[in-house]
Amino acid sequence: MISETNYYLKTNQSTAALTYLTQAIAAKPAFAILYLVRGNIYDNLANPKDATGKELDKPKNYTELIASAEADYKKAVEIKADYFDALYNLGALYNNQGVAISKMADKITDQKKYDAELAKAATAFNNAMPVLEKALEVNPTDKNTMYALKQIYSRTQQLDKLKAINEKLKN
């Protein structure tokens, strides 16, 4: 099943890969990597890109796909609490949601609606922060995690944490 899943992943046949991953998870429910890979597929389906890497429109089932990705990342972390890749991906998922909401909010001219969207973005950033901080504990030299935390600390105006992460990046 794993070999077939890898084949479908390499040939961009996500639906078939999902089928085999779901079967593999049923057979080996304690394998955290299976949840991570399936979460990645859901995440990628929710956030499609063209061949050049440019973001495409979100699919109609975006919310469902994101919820599935989140559930799988969380399950991988539940199985293996220090699983860096699952922690990072879960944190990145939340962070990316916050960034997307912030971008949409920038287009809103009504102050109340704008403030409401910024509050949603702040919630996403606040969800991302502890997960990415845990990922950084697991892998203290990962620059991508540090950069993501730097952006979150800046957006949430946590100046002490921002200063600390800047020092860590400098060193």
Protein backbone atom coordinates (compact mmCIF):
# COMPACT_ATOMS: atom_id res chain seq x y z
CA MET A 1 0.00 0.00 0.00
CA ILE A 2 2.84 2.37 0.83
CA SER A 3 4.52 1.74 -2.53
CA GLU A 4 1.29 2.34 -4.39
CA THR A 5 0.67 5.49 -2.36
CA ASN A 6 4.15 6.75 -3.22
CA TYR A 7 3.51 6.07 -6.90
CA TYR A 8 0.27 8.05 -6.83
CA LEU A 9 1.94 10.89 -4.95
CA LYS A 10 4.79 11.08 -7.47
CA THR A 11 2.35 11.11 -10.38
CA ASN A 12 0.12 13.80 -8.81
CA GLN A 13 -2.85 11.47 -8.39
CA SER A 14 -3.93 12.78 -5.00
CA THR A 15 -7.33 11.10 -4.92
CA ALA A 16 -5.86 7.66 -5.49
CA ALA A 17 -3.11 8.38 -2.95
CA LEU A 18 -5.76 9.34 -0.39
CA THR A 19 -7.54 6.05 -0.95
CA TYR A 20 -4.40 4.01 -0.30
CA LEU A 21 -3.34 6.17 2.65
CA THR A 22 -6.73 5.72 4.28
CA GLN A 23 -6.40 1.95 3.83
CA ALA A 24 -2.85 2.05 5.22
CA ILE A 25 -4.04 4.06 8.24
CA ALA A 26 -6.78 1.49 8.87
CA ALA A 27 -4.12 -1.24 8.82
CA LYS A 28 -1.47 0.70 10.80
CA PRO A 29 -3.28 3.36 12.88
CA ALA A 30 -0.23 4.03 15.07
CA PHE A 31 2.02 5.16 12.18
CA ALA A 32 2.19 8.93 12.60
CA ILE A 33 3.83 9.47 9.20
CA LEU A 34 0.72 8.18 7.43
CA TYR A 35 -1.37 10.93 9.04
CA LEU A 36 1.28 13.51 8.18
CA VAL A 37 1.32 12.51 4.52
CA ARG A 38 -2.46 12.43 4.28
CA GLY A 39 -2.63 15.82 6.00
CA ASN A 40 -0.17 17.17 3.43
CA ILE A 41 -2.36 15.93 0.60
CA TYR A 42 -5.47 17.57 2.07
CA ASP A 43 -3.47 20.75 2.67
CA ASN A 44 -2.21 20.81 -0.92
CA LEU A 45 -5.67 20.11 -2.31
CA ALA A 46 -7.03 23.01 -0.27
CA ASN A 47 -4.28 25.34 -1.48
CA PRO A 48 -3.72 24.50 -5.16
CA LYS A 49 -0.88 26.04 -7.15
CA ASP A 50 -0.08 26.09 -10.83
CA ALA A 51 3.14 24.72 -12.33
CA THR A 52 5.01 27.94 -11.50
CA GLY A 53 3.92 27.88 -7.85
CA LYS A 54 1.34 30.66 -8.20
CA GLU A 55 -1.65 30.22 -5.91
CA LEU A 56 -4.89 29.24 -7.62
CA ASP A 57 -8.44 29.85 -6.43
CA LYS A 58 -9.48 27.84 -3.39
CA PRO A 59 -11.70 24.84 -4.13
CA LYS A 60 -15.34 24.79 -3.08
CA ASN A 61 -14.58 22.22 -0.38
CA TYR A 62 -11.68 24.28 1.03
CA THR A 63 -13.04 24.32 4.59
CA GLU A 64 -13.54 20.55 4.58
CA LEU A 65 -10.05 19.93 3.20
CA ILE A 66 -8.42 22.24 5.77
CA ALA A 67 -10.35 20.54 8.58
CA SER A 68 -9.14 17.14 7.34
CA ALA A 69 -5.54 18.35 7.12
CA GLU A 70 -5.75 19.81 10.62
CA ALA A 71 -7.23 16.59 12.04
CA ASP A 72 -4.51 14.48 10.45
CA TYR A 73 -1.67 16.74 11.63
CA LYS A 74 -3.15 16.70 15.14
CA LYS A 75 -3.43 12.91 15.05
CA ALA A 76 0.21 12.59 14.01
CA VAL A 77 1.22 14.81 16.97
CA GLU A 78 -1.06 12.82 19.28
CA ILE A 79 0.75 9.64 18.26
CA LYS A 80 4.21 11.22 18.45
CA ALA A 81 4.28 14.41 20.53
CA ASP A 82 7.75 15.44 19.35
CA TYR A 83 7.07 14.88 15.64
CA PHE A 84 8.67 17.99 14.18
CA ASP A 85 7.20 17.75 10.67
CA ALA A 86 3.65 17.33 11.98
CA LEU A 87 4.09 20.16 14.48
CA TYR A 88 5.56 22.46 11.84
CA ASN A 89 2.86 21.65 9.29
CA LEU A 90 0.06 22.17 11.81
CA GLY A 91 1.56 25.50 12.85
CA ALA A 92 2.07 26.50 9.22
CA LEU A 93 -1.54 25.56 8.44
CA TYR A 94 -2.80 27.92 11.15
CA ASN A 95 -0.31 30.62 10.20
CA ASN A 96 -1.28 30.43 6.53
CA GLN A 97 -4.94 30.74 7.50
CA GLY A 98 -4.10 33.89 9.45
CA VAL A 99 -2.17 35.35 6.54
CA ALA A 100 -5.00 34.59 4.10
CA ILE A 101 -7.59 36.17 6.40
CA SER A 102 -5.35 39.23 6.85
CA LYS A 103 -5.03 39.64 3.09
CA MET A 104 -8.79 39.46 2.66
CA ALA A 105 -9.28 41.92 5.52
CA ASP A 106 -7.02 44.44 3.76
CA LYS A 107 -9.63 44.69 1.00
CA ILE A 108 -12.49 45.51 3.38
CA THR A 109 -13.47 49.16 3.75
CA ASP A 110 -16.11 48.74 6.47
CA GLN A 111 -14.27 49.16 9.80
CA LYS A 112 -16.46 46.71 11.78
CA LYS A 113 -16.07 43.97 9.17
CA TYR A 114 -12.36 44.71 8.92
CA ASP A 115 -11.94 44.44 12.70
CA ALA A 116 -13.91 41.17 12.75
CA GLU A 117 -11.65 39.67 10.10
CA LEU A 118 -8.53 40.83 11.93
CA ALA A 119 -9.85 39.11 15.05
CA LYS A 120 -10.22 35.88 13.06
CA ALA A 121 -6.65 36.28 11.79
CA ALA A 122 -5.39 36.88 15.33
CA THR A 123 -7.09 33.66 16.44
CA ALA A 124 -5.31 31.75 13.68
CA PHE A 125 -1.95 33.29 14.61
CA ASN A 126 -2.57 32.51 18.28
CA ASN A 127 -3.35 28.90 17.33
CA ALA A 128 -0.13 28.69 15.30
CA MET A 129 2.16 30.16 17.94
CA PRO A 130 2.28 27.39 20.57
CA VAL A 131 2.49 24.68 17.93
CA LEU A 132 5.40 26.39 16.18
CA GLU A 133 7.06 27.09 19.52
CA LYS A 134 6.83 23.35 20.30
CA ALA A 135 8.27 22.59 16.85
CA LEU A 136 11.18 24.92 17.62
CA GLU A 137 11.76 23.10 20.92
CA VAL A 138 12.00 19.84 18.99
CA ASN A 139 14.26 21.32 16.29
CA PRO A 140 15.87 24.47 17.74
CA THR A 141 17.84 25.31 14.60
CA ASP A 142 15.04 25.21 12.03
CA LYS A 143 15.07 28.58 10.31
CA ASN A 144 11.65 28.19 8.66
CA THR A 145 10.07 27.77 12.08
CA MET A 146 11.98 30.77 13.40
CA TYR A 147 10.89 32.93 10.46
CA ALA A 148 7.26 31.89 10.91
CA LEU A 149 7.43 32.71 14.61
CA LYS A 150 9.11 36.03 13.82
CA GLN A 151 6.16 36.98 11.61
CA ILE A 152 3.63 35.84 14.20
CA TYR A 153 5.35 37.71 17.03
CA SER A 154 5.45 40.81 14.86
CA ARG A 155 1.77 40.53 13.87
CA THR A 156 0.70 39.90 17.47
CA GLN A 157 3.00 42.65 18.78
CA GLN A 158 4.90 40.41 21.18
CA LEU A 159 8.04 42.49 21.18
CA ASP A 160 10.01 40.51 23.78
CA LYS A 161 9.49 37.27 21.86
CA LEU A 162 10.23 39.07 18.59
CA LYS A 163 13.52 40.37 19.98
CA ALA A 164 14.47 36.89 21.25
CA ILE A 165 13.71 35.19 17.93
CA ASN A 166 15.64 37.88 16.04
CA GLU A 167 18.64 37.20 18.28
CA LYS A 168 18.30 33.47 17.68
CA LEU A 169 18.15 34.05 13.92
CA LYS A 170 21.19 36.30 14.06
CA ASN A 171 23.17 33.64 15.89
